C-alpha atoms as a PDB file:
ATOM      1  CA  MET A   1       2.563  -2.354 -10.120  1.00  0.00           C
ATOM      2  CA  TYR A   2       1.407  -2.598  -6.510  1.00  0.00           C
ATOM      3  CA  ASN A   3       2.185  -0.075  -3.775  1.00  0.00           C
ATOM      4  CA  VAL A   4       2.141  -1.016  -0.100  1.00  0.00           C
ATOM      5  CA  TYR A   5       1.364   1.727   2.420  1.00  0.00           C
ATOM      6  CA  ILE A   6       1.650   1.357   6.190  1.00  0.00           C
ATOM      7  CA  LYS A   7      -0.184   3.654   8.583  1.00  0.00           C
ATOM      8  CA  LYS A   8       0.904   3.806  12.191  1.00  0.00           C
ATOM      9  CA  GLN A   9      -1.676   4.284  14.908  1.00  0.00           C
ATOM     10  CA  ASN A  10      -1.126   8.014  15.590  1.00  0.00           C
ATOM     11  CA  ALA A  11       0.163   9.024  12.150  1.00  0.00           C
ATOM     12  CA  TYR A  12      -1.786  11.348   9.877  1.00  0.00           C
ATOM     13  CA  ASN A  13      -0.501  10.056   6.514  1.00  0.00           C
ATOM     14  CA  PRO A  14       0.497   6.521   5.550  1.00  0.00           C
ATOM     15  CA  ASP A  15       4.104   5.731   4.594  1.00  0.00           C
ATOM     16  CA  LEU A  16       5.025   4.038   1.319  1.00  0.00           C
ATOM     17  CA  VAL A  17       6.842   0.794   2.118  1.00  0.00           C
ATOM     18  CA  GLY A  18       7.599  -0.237  -1.451  1.00  0.00           C
ATOM     19  CA  GLU A  19       6.479  -0.947  -4.990  1.00  0.00           C
ATOM     20  CA  TYR A  20       6.059  -4.544  -6.129  1.00  0.00           C
ATOM     21  CA  THR A  21       5.395  -6.149  -9.483  1.00  0.00           C
ATOM     22  CA  THR A  22       3.099  -8.925  -8.261  1.00  0.00           C
ATOM     23  CA  ILE A  23       0.222  -8.923  -5.816  1.00  0.00           C
ATOM     24  CA  ASN A  24       1.675 -11.919  -3.988  1.00  0.00           C
ATOM     25  CA  GLU A  25       4.871 -10.009  -3.153  1.00  0.00           C
ATOM     26  CA  ALA A  26       2.878  -7.034  -1.913  1.00  0.00           C
ATOM     27  CA  ILE A  27       0.597  -9.173   0.258  1.00  0.00           C
ATOM     28  CA  LYS A  28       3.548 -11.046   1.766  1.00  0.00           C
ATOM     29  CA  VAL A  29       5.349  -7.831   2.722  1.00  0.00           C
ATOM     30  CA  ALA A  30       2.198  -6.251   4.154  1.00  0.00           C
ATOM     31  CA  THR A  31       1.174  -9.294   6.191  1.00  0.00           C
ATOM     32  CA  ASP A  32       4.731  -9.779   7.502  1.00  0.00           C
ATOM     33  CA  LEU A  33       4.813  -6.164   8.709  1.00  0.00           C
ATOM     34  CA  LYS A  34       1.366  -6.534  10.268  1.00  0.00           C
ATOM     35  CA  ALA A  35       2.499  -9.721  12.053  1.00  0.00           C
ATOM     36  CA  LYS A  36       5.455  -7.858  13.599  1.00  0.00           C
ATOM     37  CA  ASP A  37       3.347  -4.918  14.794  1.00  0.00           C
ATOM     38  CA  ASP A  38      -0.413  -5.380  14.916  1.00  0.00           C
ATOM     39  CA  THR A  39      -1.049  -1.707  15.778  1.00  0.00           C
ATOM     40  CA  ILE A  40      -0.372  -0.696  12.176  1.00  0.00           C
ATOM     41  CA  SER A  41      -2.722  -0.961   9.222  1.00  0.00           C
ATOM     42  CA  TYR A  42      -1.806  -1.491   5.598  1.00  0.00           C
ATOM     43  CA  THR A  43      -3.243  -0.674   2.211  1.00  0.00           C
ATOM     44  CA  ILE A  44      -2.246  -2.263  -1.090  1.00  0.00           C
ATOM     45  CA  GLU A  45      -2.995  -0.195  -4.191  1.00  0.00           C
ATOM     46  CA  GLU A  46      -2.692  -1.199  -7.837  1.00  0.00           C
ATOM     47  CA  THR A  47      -1.417   1.525 -10.144  1.00  0.00           C
ATOM     48  CA  SER A  48      -2.617   1.603 -13.723  1.00  0.00           C
ATOM     49  CA  GLY A  49       0.097   3.814 -15.189  1.00  0.00           C
ATOM     50  CA  HIS A  50      -2.453   6.528 -15.988  1.00  0.00           C
ATOM     51  CA  PHE A  51      -2.799   9.934 -14.359  1.00  0.00           C
ATOM     52  CA  ASP A  52      -5.720  12.224 -13.583  1.00  0.00           C
ATOM     53  CA  SER A  53      -5.972  15.880 -14.634  1.00  0.00           C
ATOM     54  CA  TYR A  54      -3.991  16.939 -11.532  1.00  0.00           C
ATOM     55  CA  GLY A  55      -1.067  14.669 -12.358  1.00  0.00           C
ATOM     56  CA  GLU A  56      -1.852  12.181  -9.603  1.00  0.00           C
ATOM     57  CA  PRO A  57      -1.573   8.480 -10.481  1.00  0.00           C
ATOM     58  CA  LEU A  58      -4.850   6.576 -10.801  1.00  0.00           C
ATOM     59  CA  THR A  59      -4.939   3.722  -8.298  1.00  0.00           C
ATOM     60  CA  THR A  60      -7.323   1.015  -7.148  1.00  0.00           C
ATOM     61  CA  ILE A  61      -7.288  -0.271  -3.586  1.00  0.00           C
ATOM     62  CA  VAL A  62      -6.786  -4.018  -3.726  1.00  0.00           C
ATOM     63  CA  ARG A  63      -6.582  -4.937  -0.065  1.00  0.00           C
ATOM     64  CA  ARG A  64      -6.604  -3.408   3.411  1.00  0.00           C
ATOM     65  CA  GLY A  65      -5.652  -4.947   6.692  1.00  0.00           C
END
């Protein structure tokens, strides 16, 4: 599963845009949003389905833009 987060220029925390099953879907959504507004940045994270000792999901950053 891939999560796409968008961070606006003056925002403190990024917003979750959506969860996607393939990396290609996630990249398409993120690049389309970036093309509409180039002041935002995006992060695509892959979730493994596992959790750490605090209950937070373990993720790997796949791509930033």
